[in-house]
Amino acid sequence: MFVKFVSADRVETAINASQVTFISSVTDGTRIRFGEGRSVTVVEPMDEVISRLNETRQLPTT
């Protein structure tokens, strides 16, 4: 499931919630890390990022 955020440079960014490995608060917003050293910084606060990522994991599968 993809979740849409706004990156620090104001570009919309889609994130595959199942690939997130670490989330941290930074000066510009929230840094979302993935495997293999990849990351993106988004402007949304950490609590909102966690909430939106958790929503995707709670959706029923069919």
Protein backbone atom coordinates (compact mmCIF):
# COMPACT_ATOMS: atom_id res chain seq x y z
CA MET A 1 0.00 0.00 0.00
CA PHE A 2 1.34 3.42 -0.93
CA VAL A 3 0.99 6.53 1.22
CA LYS A 4 1.42 10.04 -0.22
CA PHE A 5 3.50 12.67 1.61
CA VAL A 6 5.15 15.96 0.63
CA SER A 7 8.94 15.88 0.53
CA ALA A 8 11.12 18.64 1.99
CA ASP A 9 11.49 20.17 -1.50
CA ARG A 10 7.65 20.31 -1.77
CA VAL A 11 7.34 17.47 -4.28
CA GLU A 12 4.65 14.86 -3.68
CA THR A 13 6.19 11.51 -2.72
CA ALA A 14 4.56 8.07 -2.65
CA ILE A 15 5.94 5.62 -0.10
CA ASN A 16 5.43 1.87 0.03
CA ALA A 17 4.50 1.44 3.70
CA SER A 18 5.69 -2.17 3.81
CA GLN A 19 9.29 -1.12 3.01
CA VAL A 20 9.72 1.41 5.83
CA THR A 21 12.42 0.33 8.29
CA PHE A 22 12.97 3.43 10.45
CA ILE A 23 11.36 6.83 11.08
CA SER A 24 13.04 9.78 12.81
CA SER A 25 12.24 13.40 13.53
CA VAL A 26 14.55 15.94 11.83
CA THR A 27 14.65 19.73 11.54
CA ASP A 28 12.87 19.72 8.16
CA GLY A 29 10.11 17.28 9.22
CA THR A 30 10.35 13.50 9.34
CA ARG A 31 12.94 11.22 7.74
CA ILE A 32 11.59 7.89 6.50
CA ARG A 33 14.21 5.21 5.88
CA PHE A 34 14.06 2.11 3.73
CA GLY A 35 16.46 -0.76 3.19
CA GLU A 36 19.79 -0.33 1.38
CA GLY A 37 20.48 3.17 2.74
CA ARG A 38 17.56 4.88 0.98
CA SER A 39 15.57 7.61 2.73
CA VAL A 40 13.26 10.56 2.11
CA THR A 41 12.52 13.58 4.29
CA VAL A 42 8.90 14.71 4.36
CA VAL A 43 7.35 17.86 5.84
CA GLU A 44 4.64 16.06 7.84
CA PRO A 45 5.31 15.71 11.58
CA MET A 46 6.40 12.31 12.88
CA ASP A 47 3.09 11.54 14.64
CA GLU A 48 1.16 12.07 11.39
CA VAL A 49 3.60 9.91 9.41
CA ILE A 50 3.29 7.06 11.91
CA SER A 51 -0.49 7.34 11.97
CA ARG A 52 -0.83 7.30 8.19
CA LEU A 53 1.60 4.40 7.77
CA ASN A 54 -0.21 2.40 10.46
CA GLU A 55 -3.56 2.97 8.74
CA THR A 56 -2.31 1.14 5.67
CA ARG A 57 -1.33 -1.90 7.76
CA GLN A 58 -4.77 -2.15 9.34
CA LEU A 59 -6.72 -2.40 6.09
CA PRO A 60 -8.36 -5.81 5.61
CA THR A 61 -6.93 -8.01 2.88
CA THR A 62 -9.14 -10.01 0.57
